[in-house]
Amino acid sequence: MKIRKIHLFLLSVLSGLILALAWPENGFPGLLFIGFVPLLFLEDYMTRNRDQFLKFSTLFYSYPAFFTWNLLTTWWIYNSTFMGAVMAVVLNSLFLAVVFQAFSWAKRRLPTKFAGYLALISFWIAFEYLHLNWVLTWPWLTVGNGFCSYYMWVQWYEYTGVLGGTLWVLVANILIFEAIRSTKDERRKTKLISPFRYFAISLFWIGIPIIASNIIYNNYTEKSDPVNFVVVQPNVDPYSEQYSLPPSNVVGRIMDLAGPELDSTTNFLVAPESAIQESMWENDMSTFATLRMLREIITAYPKLNILIGGSTFKAYEKGGPITRTARKFTNSDGYYDAYNTAILINSSDSLQLYHKSKLTPGVEAMPSFRWSKWLENYAIDLGGTVGSLGTDNLRKVYAPAGGVPVSPIICYESAFGEFFAEFVRNGAQVMIIITNDGWWGNTPGHRQHFAFAHLRAIESRRSIARSANTGISAFIDQRGDAHDVTEYWVPAVIKGELNANKEITFYVTYGDYIARIAVLLTALLLLVSFGLSIFAGRKMGAG
C-alpha cells in the first residue's frame, strides 16, 4: 500500500505524542511500551520503499517524533533560559533522530531481523549512556526515567538501574510492532498463531517485571538504624532575592524555620543548594560571617551536623598547577576556581566540602576543548557565578559528628544513577539531596526532578533527605516512598527519621553494566554493518 509522505510525518508526530503522554509527572508510563511503534512502522515502510526516499530520510522523518516528545516534556526550561530551552529541544531531538537513522542504516545491512533490532536497542542505550557522561549531558529523557512516578513498577532497578527500564521499553515496542505487522503480512495468512504468539510474549515481557516489582516492594523491610533530620525549605526567590539579599538574612530565615525543630537528638540540619551567597574563599573559610552564625548553633547542639549549599572559590598559588576551569583574576596574574559547594559544619574545627561535579550544560559547564574557551562568554547567566565551574574527582562521603556516613548530591546530579551509586559504593549510608528548583517556576520541571529521587532510592536502597529552596522537600525511604512532602513556593521545615543502610545493591556494585554491554554491541554491529556494506559495494562493482 502506497503511503503519502505527509502520512509518514503524522506517524512520526504520533510517536512523539504517545511518548509525551507517557511522561511524568502526569503521564501514564504504560504508553511507553507503544511509543516507538509508529516510528518502527515509518522506518519499515521507508526500508521497503528505499527508491522513494533520499539517503537521510529516516532522520528527517523521525525528527518530528523526537521534537514533539522533547518540546511537550521539557518546555519548562524556558522559565530560566529561553535560548537554553531552544537548544535543549532542538539538539536533543537531533541526537535521537541520528540514533534512529543509524539503526535504520545498520538494519538494512545486517543479515537478520534480530540483528537489526539488536542494533536499535544497542545504539539507543549506548547513546543514553553517552548522554549521561559528556559535556552536553541531558539525562531527562532517558527512557527508563519514564517510570519515576510509577516507581512501584520498577523496584528491580536495584539490579539494572534506569537503563534496564530503557531495555524493557524498547524490547516491548519491538514485540508489539512485530505482532501488529505480522497480522497484516500476506505471507502469514496461514500462520495466524504468529501474531498471537507475539502478543503473548509482549504481555509476559511487560507484565512479569511489574508483578515481580510489586512483590519486591511489598516484601522490602528496612532495618532500623535511625538518623534524625531537620530539613529546611526557605523559599528564597532565585530571581529577585537569592543574589540580592544579605547572606546573613538568608541564614536568619533558615534558622527561624529550623530553630523550633532542633533538639539534642537532631543529627542533621539540611538547607538547600546555593543558600549562602557570601563568595567564600576556601583558602580561609573562617573569616565569613554566615559560617560563624551557623557555628553558633553547633555550640548549643554539639552533636549537630549542618549541611548547606553555597558558592565558594579557591585561589591557586602563583606559578602552580591550575585546572582547565581556572579563571584569571581581572587585576593580577593569579588564577582561581569557582564552585557550587555542599558544606558540612559540625563541632570539628575543619569544614567538609564537596564540589558539584555533574554540572548543568550551558550554565555551569561549557565545552572543554582548548579551542572552545571562547564559548565561556556565552554561558547562560542565572545570577551568581557564570561560566564553567570547578568539580571534584572524588565522590566524597562525609564523616559527621556522632552519626552515620552521608553524602551530598547537588541538584542536577540526582538525575544520574551511576554517579549517585558511586557515593554509596564509597560508604554513604544515607543520601542528602540539596537543590534550588525555583528557576523553573511551578511547572512539571521541578516535579519531574523530585520524582527522579524515587529511582535513586530504589537503585541504591538508600534513604534520602531532600532539601529544595522551594518545592519539593521531603524524606524518601528505601522503597522510594516519599514522606512529609512540602508544597511549592511555601517556606517550610520538616522533621523526621530516616534509616541508614550498609547493604550494597547489585546496581551499586556494577553500575550501568547494561550500557557497557550496549557499547560493545554497538561497536561490533557497526563494524559488521560497515564490513557488509563495503563487501556489497565491491560485489556490485565487480558485477
Protein backbone atom coordinates (compact mmCIF):
# COMPACT_ATOMS: atom_id res chain seq x y z
CA MET A 1 0.00 0.00 0.00
CA LYS A 2 1.39 3.39 -1.02
CA ILE A 3 1.53 5.95 1.78
CA ARG A 4 1.77 9.66 1.17
CA LYS A 5 4.75 11.38 2.76
CA ILE A 6 2.50 13.60 4.88
CA HIS A 7 1.21 10.41 6.48
CA LEU A 8 4.77 9.49 7.47
CA PHE A 9 5.15 12.89 9.06
CA LEU A 10 1.91 12.40 11.01
CA LEU A 11 3.02 8.92 12.04
CA SER A 12 6.20 10.45 13.43
CA VAL A 13 4.29 13.12 15.36
CA LEU A 14 2.02 10.38 16.75
CA SER A 15 5.04 8.65 18.26
CA GLY A 16 6.11 11.91 19.88
CA LEU A 17 2.64 12.49 21.31
CA ILE A 18 2.43 8.98 22.77
CA LEU A 19 5.86 9.34 24.40
CA ALA A 20 4.90 12.75 25.81
CA LEU A 21 1.62 11.40 27.19
CA ALA A 22 3.62 8.66 28.91
CA TRP A 23 6.00 11.07 30.64
CA PRO A 24 5.88 12.17 34.28
CA GLU A 25 4.60 13.79 36.21
CA ASN A 26 1.04 13.36 34.93
CA GLY A 27 1.60 10.86 32.12
CA PHE A 28 0.83 7.14 32.12
CA PRO A 29 4.09 5.21 31.57
CA GLY A 30 2.29 2.19 30.13
CA LEU A 31 2.18 4.20 26.88
CA LEU A 32 5.97 3.92 26.66
CA PHE A 33 5.50 0.31 25.56
CA ILE A 34 3.86 1.51 22.32
CA GLY A 35 5.51 4.92 21.94
CA PHE A 36 8.07 3.77 19.37
CA VAL A 37 5.66 1.57 17.39
CA PRO A 38 4.59 4.30 14.91
CA LEU A 39 8.27 5.10 14.30
CA LEU A 40 9.00 1.44 13.63
CA PHE A 41 6.18 1.34 11.06
CA LEU A 42 7.59 4.50 9.49
CA GLU A 43 11.09 3.01 9.28
CA ASP A 44 9.77 -0.31 7.97
CA TYR A 45 7.84 1.40 5.15
CA MET A 46 10.83 3.53 4.17
CA THR A 47 13.10 0.47 4.13
CA ARG A 48 10.68 -1.40 1.87
CA ASN A 49 10.47 1.60 -0.48
CA ARG A 50 14.05 2.89 -0.48
CA ASP A 51 13.83 4.13 -4.07
CA GLN A 52 11.27 6.77 -2.99
CA PHE A 53 13.47 8.39 -0.33
CA LEU A 54 16.75 10.24 -0.05
CA LYS A 55 19.76 8.94 1.89
CA PHE A 56 18.97 10.53 5.29
CA SER A 57 15.19 10.46 5.05
CA THR A 58 14.84 8.35 8.20
CA LEU A 59 16.50 11.13 10.18
CA PHE A 60 14.25 13.74 8.55
CA TYR A 61 11.01 11.84 9.17
CA SER A 62 11.84 10.67 12.69
CA TYR A 63 12.89 14.14 13.86
CA PRO A 64 9.26 15.36 14.36
CA ALA A 65 8.68 12.50 16.83
CA PHE A 66 11.62 13.42 18.99
CA PHE A 67 10.98 17.15 18.66
CA THR A 68 7.37 16.68 19.81
CA TRP A 69 8.45 14.50 22.73
CA ASN A 70 11.16 16.92 23.85
CA LEU A 71 9.01 20.02 23.43
CA LEU A 72 5.98 18.71 25.30
CA THR A 73 8.00 17.32 28.21
CA THR A 74 10.82 19.85 28.74
CA TRP A 75 9.30 23.17 27.54
CA TRP A 76 9.57 24.45 31.12
CA ILE A 77 13.32 25.09 30.70
CA TYR A 78 12.37 28.41 29.09
CA ASN A 79 11.44 29.75 32.55
CA SER A 80 15.15 30.01 33.34
CA THR A 81 16.56 30.50 29.84
CA PHE A 82 14.76 30.75 26.51
CA MET A 83 17.84 30.01 24.42
CA GLY A 84 18.75 27.13 26.69
CA ALA A 85 15.29 25.65 26.14
CA VAL A 86 15.57 26.06 22.36
CA MET A 87 18.99 24.41 22.28
CA ALA A 88 17.93 21.56 24.57
CA VAL A 89 14.85 20.72 22.50
CA VAL A 90 16.43 21.17 19.06
CA LEU A 91 19.74 19.43 19.78
CA ASN A 92 18.39 16.56 21.85
CA SER A 93 15.79 15.84 19.18
CA LEU A 94 18.54 15.82 16.56
CA PHE A 95 20.70 13.43 18.58
CA LEU A 96 17.83 10.96 18.95
CA ALA A 97 16.97 11.21 15.25
CA VAL A 98 20.61 10.47 14.36
CA VAL A 99 20.46 7.35 16.55
CA PHE A 100 17.29 6.22 14.79
CA GLN A 101 18.86 6.91 11.39
CA ALA A 102 21.91 4.84 12.39
CA PHE A 103 19.64 1.96 13.42
CA SER A 104 17.82 2.09 10.07
CA TRP A 105 21.10 2.14 8.15
CA ALA A 106 22.50 -0.83 10.10
CA LYS A 107 19.26 -2.81 9.91
CA ARG A 108 19.34 -2.73 6.10
CA ARG A 109 22.86 -4.16 6.08
CA LEU A 110 22.76 -6.71 8.87
CA PRO A 111 21.89 -10.26 7.83
CA THR A 112 18.93 -10.94 10.15
CA LYS A 113 15.94 -9.12 11.58
CA PHE A 114 17.14 -10.00 15.06
CA ALA A 115 20.48 -8.29 14.41
CA GLY A 116 18.65 -5.20 13.14
CA TYR A 117 16.56 -4.92 16.29
CA LEU A 118 19.63 -5.60 18.41
CA ALA A 119 21.16 -2.56 16.68
CA LEU A 120 18.22 -0.38 17.73
CA ILE A 121 18.48 -1.49 21.36
CA SER A 122 22.28 -1.23 21.50
CA PHE A 123 22.55 2.09 19.66
CA TRP A 124 19.84 3.69 21.78
CA ILE A 125 21.19 2.54 25.15
CA ALA A 126 24.76 3.38 24.13
CA PHE A 127 23.63 6.90 23.26
CA GLU A 128 21.77 7.29 26.55
CA TYR A 129 24.97 6.26 28.32
CA LEU A 130 26.95 8.83 26.31
CA HIS A 131 24.31 11.42 27.14
CA LEU A 132 24.89 10.74 30.83
CA ASN A 133 28.64 11.25 30.59
CA TRP A 134 29.67 14.01 28.16
CA VAL A 135 29.71 17.80 28.44
CA LEU A 136 26.28 18.15 26.74
CA THR A 137 24.76 15.69 29.18
CA TRP A 138 20.97 15.71 29.35
CA PRO A 139 19.56 12.74 31.28
CA TRP A 140 15.98 13.99 31.50
CA LEU A 141 14.58 11.87 28.67
CA THR A 142 16.44 8.66 29.43
CA VAL A 143 13.58 6.29 28.64
CA GLY A 144 13.86 4.40 31.93
CA ASN A 145 13.15 7.65 33.80
CA GLY A 146 9.60 7.48 32.49
CA PHE A 147 8.61 5.24 35.42
CA CYS A 148 9.74 7.63 38.16
CA SER A 149 6.16 8.43 39.21
CA TYR A 150 5.15 4.75 38.97
CA TYR A 151 8.21 3.54 40.85
CA MET A 152 6.35 0.52 42.26
CA TRP A 153 6.63 -0.93 38.72
CA VAL A 154 10.42 -0.80 38.75
CA GLN A 155 11.66 -1.93 42.14
CA TRP A 156 14.01 -4.19 40.15
CA TYR A 157 16.04 -1.09 39.25
CA GLU A 158 18.17 -2.13 42.24
CA TYR A 159 19.58 -4.70 39.78
CA THR A 160 19.59 -2.77 36.49
CA GLY A 161 19.27 0.98 37.06
CA VAL A 162 17.14 3.10 34.72
CA LEU A 163 18.83 1.71 31.61
CA GLY A 164 17.15 -1.58 32.45
CA GLY A 165 13.91 0.33 32.03
CA THR A 166 15.05 1.55 28.62
CA LEU A 167 15.80 -2.04 27.59
CA TRP A 168 12.36 -3.13 28.87
CA VAL A 169 10.59 -0.45 26.84
CA LEU A 170 12.49 -0.95 23.58
CA VAL A 171 12.01 -4.73 23.52
CA ALA A 172 8.29 -4.30 24.29
CA ASN A 173 7.89 -1.87 21.38
CA ILE A 174 9.65 -4.26 19.00
CA LEU A 175 7.46 -7.18 20.09
CA ILE A 176 4.23 -5.18 19.75
CA PHE A 177 5.30 -3.81 16.37
CA GLU A 178 6.03 -7.33 15.12
CA ALA A 179 2.70 -8.56 16.50
CA ILE A 180 0.77 -5.86 14.62
CA ARG A 181 2.85 -6.14 11.45
CA SER A 182 2.53 -9.91 11.31
CA THR A 183 -1.28 -9.68 11.28
CA LYS A 184 -1.04 -7.63 8.05
CA ASP A 185 1.67 -9.67 6.37
CA GLU A 186 0.18 -11.54 3.43
CA ARG A 187 2.75 -14.29 3.81
CA ARG A 188 1.44 -15.13 7.30
CA LYS A 189 -2.21 -15.76 6.35
CA THR A 190 -1.72 -19.46 7.01
CA LYS A 191 0.19 -18.82 10.25
CA LEU A 192 -2.33 -16.90 12.33
CA ILE A 193 -0.74 -18.16 15.52
CA SER A 194 2.29 -15.92 14.93
CA PRO A 195 0.60 -12.60 15.86
CA PHE A 196 -0.91 -14.19 18.98
CA ARG A 197 2.50 -15.54 19.93
CA TYR A 198 4.00 -12.07 19.65
CA PHE A 199 1.18 -10.54 21.69
CA ALA A 200 1.52 -13.26 24.34
CA ILE A 201 5.27 -12.72 24.59
CA SER A 202 4.65 -8.96 24.81
CA LEU A 203 2.22 -9.38 27.70
CA PHE A 204 4.67 -11.61 29.57
CA TRP A 205 7.58 -9.27 28.85
CA ILE A 206 5.67 -6.27 30.20
CA GLY A 207 3.67 -7.93 32.95
CA ILE A 208 6.17 -10.17 34.72
CA PRO A 209 8.56 -7.33 35.75
CA ILE A 210 5.61 -5.34 37.12
CA ILE A 211 4.40 -8.32 39.15
CA ALA A 212 7.93 -9.06 40.40
CA SER A 213 8.38 -5.39 41.29
CA ASN A 214 5.23 -5.32 43.39
CA ILE A 215 6.38 -8.46 45.21
CA ILE A 216 9.73 -6.81 45.95
CA TYR A 217 8.00 -3.62 47.10
CA ASN A 218 5.59 -5.37 49.43
CA ASN A 219 8.29 -7.57 50.96
CA TYR A 220 11.06 -4.99 51.37
CA THR A 221 11.65 -4.16 55.03
CA GLU A 222 14.14 -1.58 56.24
CA LYS A 223 16.50 -2.42 59.07
CA SER A 224 16.15 0.01 61.94
CA ASP A 225 19.15 2.36 62.11
CA PRO A 226 17.59 5.79 62.66
CA VAL A 227 19.13 9.13 61.75
CA ASN A 228 17.24 12.29 62.74
CA PHE A 229 16.87 15.14 60.26
CA VAL A 230 15.51 18.66 60.16
CA VAL A 231 15.15 19.84 56.56
CA VAL A 232 14.51 23.47 55.67
CA GLN A 233 12.81 24.92 52.58
CA PRO A 234 13.49 28.69 52.91
CA ASN A 235 11.69 29.71 49.70
CA VAL A 236 14.16 32.37 48.56
CA ASP A 237 13.19 33.69 45.12
CA PRO A 238 16.18 32.84 42.89
CA TYR A 239 15.42 35.73 40.53
CA SER A 240 14.73 38.60 42.93
CA GLU A 241 16.23 37.59 46.30
CA GLN A 242 18.94 34.95 46.18
CA TYR A 243 21.72 37.21 44.90
CA SER A 244 20.49 40.48 46.38
CA LEU A 245 19.53 39.66 49.98
CA PRO A 246 22.36 39.95 52.51
CA PRO A 247 23.66 36.40 53.18
CA SER A 248 23.03 36.85 56.90
CA ASN A 249 19.32 37.46 56.16
CA VAL A 250 19.07 34.18 54.24
CA VAL A 251 20.77 32.25 57.05
CA GLY A 252 18.49 34.03 59.53
CA ARG A 253 15.45 32.90 57.54
CA ILE A 254 16.74 29.32 57.59
CA MET A 255 17.31 29.39 61.34
CA ASP A 256 13.92 30.98 62.04
CA LEU A 257 12.36 27.92 60.40
CA ALA A 258 14.74 25.30 61.81
CA GLY A 259 15.25 26.63 65.34
CA PRO A 260 11.96 25.42 66.89
CA GLU A 261 12.54 21.90 65.49
CA LEU A 262 16.11 21.39 66.68
CA ASP A 263 16.82 19.38 69.81
CA SER A 264 19.57 17.25 71.28
CA THR A 265 18.54 14.23 69.17
CA THR A 266 18.87 16.02 65.82
CA ASN A 267 21.74 14.58 63.78
CA PHE A 268 21.44 16.76 60.68
CA LEU A 269 20.08 20.17 59.76
CA VAL A 270 19.86 20.39 55.96
CA ALA A 271 19.46 23.60 53.94
CA PRO A 272 19.33 23.88 50.14
CA GLU A 273 21.78 24.39 47.32
CA SER A 274 23.35 27.86 46.97
CA ALA A 275 21.78 29.08 50.21
CA ILE A 276 24.92 31.03 51.17
CA GLN A 277 25.97 33.65 48.63
CA GLU A 278 28.84 35.22 50.54
CA SER A 279 31.55 34.48 47.93
CA MET A 280 33.52 32.36 50.36
CA TRP A 281 37.22 31.70 49.65
CA GLU A 282 38.26 28.19 50.62
CA ASN A 283 41.79 29.40 51.34
CA ASP A 284 40.41 30.82 54.61
CA MET A 285 36.80 29.87 55.37
CA SER A 286 36.98 31.04 58.99
CA THR A 287 36.51 34.70 58.07
CA PHE A 288 32.94 34.51 56.76
CA ALA A 289 30.06 35.82 58.88
CA THR A 290 27.43 33.31 57.76
CA LEU A 291 29.61 30.36 58.72
CA ARG A 292 30.23 31.91 62.12
CA MET A 293 26.45 32.27 62.55
CA LEU A 294 25.98 28.58 61.80
CA ARG A 295 28.80 27.56 64.12
CA GLU A 296 26.97 29.34 66.96
CA ILE A 297 24.14 26.84 66.50
CA ILE A 298 26.64 24.00 66.91
CA THR A 299 27.66 25.31 70.34
CA ALA A 300 24.10 24.70 71.54
CA TYR A 301 23.88 21.27 69.86
CA PRO A 302 27.39 19.71 69.85
CA LYS A 303 26.24 16.55 68.01
CA LEU A 304 24.52 18.51 65.24
CA ASN A 305 25.77 18.48 61.66
CA ILE A 306 24.67 21.33 59.35
CA LEU A 307 24.75 20.66 55.62
CA ILE A 308 24.16 23.74 53.48
CA GLY A 309 24.92 24.82 49.92
CA GLY A 310 26.98 27.84 48.94
CA SER A 311 29.22 29.43 46.33
CA THR A 312 32.92 29.01 47.12
CA PHE A 313 36.18 29.96 45.41
CA LYS A 314 39.76 28.75 45.62
CA ALA A 315 42.81 30.79 44.64
CA TYR A 316 45.84 28.96 43.21
CA GLU A 317 49.42 29.67 44.16
CA LYS A 318 51.20 31.82 41.62
CA GLY A 319 53.08 29.65 39.16
CA GLY A 320 51.48 26.45 40.47
CA PRO A 321 49.32 23.99 38.55
CA ILE A 322 45.80 25.09 37.63
CA THR A 323 42.72 23.29 36.34
CA ARG A 324 41.01 23.57 32.95
CA THR A 325 38.19 25.56 34.59
CA ALA A 326 40.51 28.04 36.37
CA ARG A 327 39.67 31.72 35.82
CA LYS A 328 42.16 34.59 35.68
CA PHE A 329 41.88 37.39 38.21
CA THR A 330 40.98 40.64 36.48
CA ASN A 331 43.72 42.72 38.07
CA SER A 332 46.51 40.20 38.59
CA ASP A 333 48.25 37.20 37.04
CA GLY A 334 46.71 34.77 39.52
CA TYR A 335 44.04 32.13 38.86
CA TYR A 336 41.12 30.78 40.85
CA ASP A 337 38.27 28.27 40.54
CA ALA A 338 34.59 28.78 41.35
CA TYR A 339 32.44 26.01 42.80
CA ASN A 340 28.88 25.06 43.62
CA THR A 341 29.57 23.57 47.04
CA ALA A 342 27.92 21.50 49.75
CA ILE A 343 29.38 22.48 53.13
CA LEU A 344 29.24 20.29 56.24
CA ILE A 345 29.67 22.16 59.52
CA ASN A 346 29.94 20.45 62.90
CA SER A 347 31.94 20.66 66.12
CA SER A 348 35.15 19.86 64.27
CA ASP A 349 37.42 22.80 63.54
CA SER A 350 37.56 21.97 59.84
CA LEU A 351 34.77 22.10 57.28
CA GLN A 352 33.98 19.26 54.90
CA LEU A 353 33.39 20.45 51.33
CA TYR A 354 32.03 18.72 48.25
CA HIS A 355 32.00 20.47 44.87
CA LYS A 356 29.17 19.74 42.45
CA SER A 357 30.61 17.54 39.71
CA LYS A 358 27.73 16.85 37.30
CA LEU A 359 27.31 20.37 36.01
CA THR A 360 24.37 21.85 34.13
CA PRO A 361 25.34 22.31 30.45
CA GLY A 362 25.37 25.90 29.24
CA VAL A 363 25.09 27.28 32.78
CA GLU A 364 27.80 25.63 34.86
CA ALA A 365 29.72 23.76 32.15
CA MET A 366 30.82 24.64 28.63
CA PRO A 367 32.72 22.50 26.07
CA SER A 368 36.18 21.68 27.39
CA PHE A 369 38.31 21.67 24.24
CA ARG A 370 41.21 24.11 24.27
CA TRP A 371 39.99 25.88 21.16
CA SER A 372 36.49 26.30 22.66
CA LYS A 373 37.44 28.55 25.60
CA TRP A 374 35.74 31.50 23.85
CA LEU A 375 32.38 29.76 24.41
CA GLU A 376 32.60 30.70 28.10
CA ASN A 377 31.48 34.18 27.02
CA TYR A 378 28.12 32.69 26.06
CA ALA A 379 27.42 30.79 29.29
CA ILE A 380 23.86 31.39 30.48
CA ASP A 381 23.65 33.91 33.33
CA LEU A 382 21.17 32.90 36.05
CA GLY A 383 22.77 35.13 38.64
CA GLY A 384 25.80 34.36 40.76
CA THR A 385 28.89 32.83 39.14
CA VAL A 386 28.71 32.48 35.35
CA GLY A 387 30.72 30.01 33.27
CA SER A 388 32.34 26.61 33.83
CA LEU A 389 32.71 25.65 37.48
CA GLY A 390 35.35 23.51 39.09
CA THR A 391 34.49 19.95 40.11
CA ASP A 392 35.63 17.14 42.43
CA ASN A 393 37.17 13.94 41.11
CA LEU A 394 36.21 12.02 44.26
CA ARG A 395 32.64 11.10 45.24
CA LYS A 396 33.01 12.26 48.82
CA VAL A 397 31.49 10.72 51.91
CA TYR A 398 31.19 13.00 54.93
CA ALA A 399 32.27 11.84 58.37
CA PRO A 400 29.69 13.61 60.55
CA ALA A 401 29.85 14.19 64.27
CA GLY A 402 28.38 11.21 66.10
CA GLY A 403 26.46 9.98 63.05
CA VAL A 404 26.47 7.63 60.09
CA PRO A 405 28.40 8.43 56.88
CA VAL A 406 26.37 10.53 54.43
CA SER A 407 26.96 12.07 51.02
CA PRO A 408 25.52 15.19 49.41
CA ILE A 409 24.01 15.32 45.93
CA ILE A 410 23.63 18.79 44.43
CA CYS A 411 20.62 19.49 42.20
CA TYR A 412 21.17 18.14 38.65
CA GLU A 413 23.35 15.32 40.00
CA SER A 414 20.29 13.50 41.30
CA ALA A 415 19.33 12.60 37.71
CA PHE A 416 22.40 10.35 37.30
CA GLY A 417 22.04 6.82 38.66
CA GLU A 418 25.59 5.50 38.30
CA PHE A 419 27.05 8.77 39.58
CA PHE A 420 24.75 8.61 42.63
CA ALA A 421 25.78 4.98 43.18
CA GLU A 422 29.47 5.93 43.39
CA PHE A 423 28.85 7.79 46.67
CA VAL A 424 27.08 4.74 48.06
CA ARG A 425 29.90 2.47 46.90
CA ASN A 426 32.31 4.76 48.76
CA GLY A 427 30.43 4.21 52.02
CA ALA A 428 27.45 6.59 52.21
CA GLN A 429 24.65 5.05 54.27
CA VAL A 430 22.15 7.91 53.85
CA MET A 431 21.99 10.37 50.94
CA ILE A 432 21.14 14.07 51.07
CA ILE A 433 19.91 16.00 48.02
CA ILE A 434 20.13 19.79 48.10
CA THR A 435 18.65 21.70 45.19
CA ASN A 436 17.24 25.01 44.01
CA ASP A 437 14.30 24.24 41.72
CA GLY A 438 12.78 27.72 41.80
CA TRP A 439 14.34 28.60 38.43
CA TRP A 440 11.68 26.62 36.57
CA GLY A 441 8.59 28.06 38.23
CA ASN A 442 5.60 25.94 39.18
CA THR A 443 5.95 23.68 36.12
CA PRO A 444 6.49 19.94 35.58
CA GLY A 445 10.24 20.62 35.72
CA HIS A 446 10.64 20.69 39.48
CA ARG A 447 8.15 17.85 39.94
CA GLN A 448 9.97 15.64 37.44
CA HIS A 449 13.24 16.43 39.19
CA PHE A 450 11.76 15.41 42.52
CA ALA A 451 10.34 12.18 41.08
CA PHE A 452 13.82 11.07 39.94
CA ALA A 453 14.72 10.71 43.64
CA HIS A 454 12.31 7.75 43.89
CA LEU A 455 14.52 5.90 41.38
CA ARG A 456 17.78 6.82 43.12
CA ALA A 457 16.43 5.43 46.41
CA ILE A 458 15.43 2.16 44.73
CA GLU A 459 18.69 1.71 42.78
CA SER A 460 20.81 2.19 45.90
CA ARG A 461 18.31 1.26 48.66
CA ARG A 462 19.36 4.42 50.45
CA SER A 463 17.08 6.76 52.35
CA ILE A 464 17.19 10.34 51.07
CA ALA A 465 16.64 13.67 52.79
CA ARG A 466 15.79 16.26 50.12
CA SER A 467 16.02 20.00 50.74
CA ALA A 468 14.78 22.25 47.94
CA ASN A 469 14.97 26.02 48.09
CA THR A 470 11.33 25.90 47.10
CA GLY A 471 9.24 22.76 46.43
CA ILE A 472 9.70 19.86 46.77
CA SER A 473 11.42 18.93 50.03
CA ALA A 474 10.74 15.51 51.52
CA PHE A 475 12.04 12.36 53.14
CA ILE A 476 12.29 9.35 50.81
CA ASP A 477 12.65 5.86 52.19
CA GLN A 478 14.49 2.88 50.73
CA ARG A 479 11.44 1.67 48.76
CA GLY A 480 11.14 5.08 47.10
CA ASP A 481 8.13 6.26 49.10
CA ALA A 482 8.11 10.00 49.90
CA HIS A 483 7.06 11.35 53.30
CA ASP A 484 6.40 14.86 54.66
CA VAL A 485 6.29 16.28 51.13
CA THR A 486 6.26 20.09 51.08
CA GLU A 487 4.29 22.39 48.79
CA TYR A 488 5.78 24.60 46.10
CA TRP A 489 6.60 28.25 46.92
CA VAL A 490 5.86 27.84 50.62
CA PRO A 491 8.51 28.30 53.34
CA ALA A 492 8.60 25.04 55.25
CA VAL A 493 10.52 22.87 57.67
CA ILE A 494 10.12 19.13 58.11
CA LYS A 495 11.44 16.89 60.87
CA GLY A 496 11.80 13.16 60.55
CA GLU A 497 13.77 9.97 60.92
CA LEU A 498 15.45 8.00 58.15
CA ASN A 499 17.10 4.60 58.40
CA ALA A 500 20.71 4.19 57.38
CA ASN A 501 21.67 1.15 55.29
CA LYS A 502 25.06 -0.57 54.84
CA GLU A 503 23.93 -3.14 52.27
CA ILE A 504 25.12 -2.68 48.68
CA THR A 505 22.74 -3.43 45.79
CA PHE A 506 23.71 -5.23 42.60
CA TYR A 507 23.35 -1.97 40.68
CA VAL A 508 25.57 -0.04 43.07
CA THR A 509 28.23 -2.75 42.70
CA TYR A 510 28.18 -2.96 38.90
CA GLY A 511 26.71 0.37 37.80
CA ASP A 512 25.48 0.78 34.22
CA TYR A 513 26.71 -2.62 33.06
CA ILE A 514 23.80 -2.80 30.59
CA ALA A 515 25.16 0.31 28.89
CA ARG A 516 28.69 -1.08 28.72
CA ILE A 517 27.36 -4.23 27.04
CA ALA A 518 25.39 -2.00 24.65
CA VAL A 519 28.53 0.00 23.80
CA LEU A 520 30.42 -3.22 22.92
CA LEU A 521 27.50 -4.47 20.83
CA THR A 522 27.24 -1.09 19.10
CA ALA A 523 30.91 -1.23 18.11
CA LEU A 524 30.53 -4.81 16.87
CA LEU A 525 27.31 -4.16 14.93
CA LEU A 526 28.71 -1.02 13.32
CA LEU A 527 31.85 -2.92 12.32
CA VAL A 528 29.79 -5.73 10.80
CA SER A 529 27.48 -3.25 9.06
CA PHE A 530 30.36 -1.32 7.53
CA GLY A 531 32.06 -4.54 6.50
CA LEU A 532 28.94 -5.91 4.81
CA SER A 533 28.31 -2.55 3.16
CA ILE A 534 31.83 -2.45 1.70
CA PHE A 535 31.57 -6.08 0.58
CA ALA A 536 28.20 -5.43 -1.11
CA GLY A 537 29.60 -2.36 -2.85
CA ARG A 538 32.59 -4.28 -4.21
CA LYS A 539 30.34 -7.11 -5.33
CA MET A 540 28.14 -4.68 -7.26
CA GLY A 541 31.22 -3.04 -8.76
CA ALA A 542 32.56 -6.40 -9.87
CA GLY A 543 29.20 -7.27 -11.42
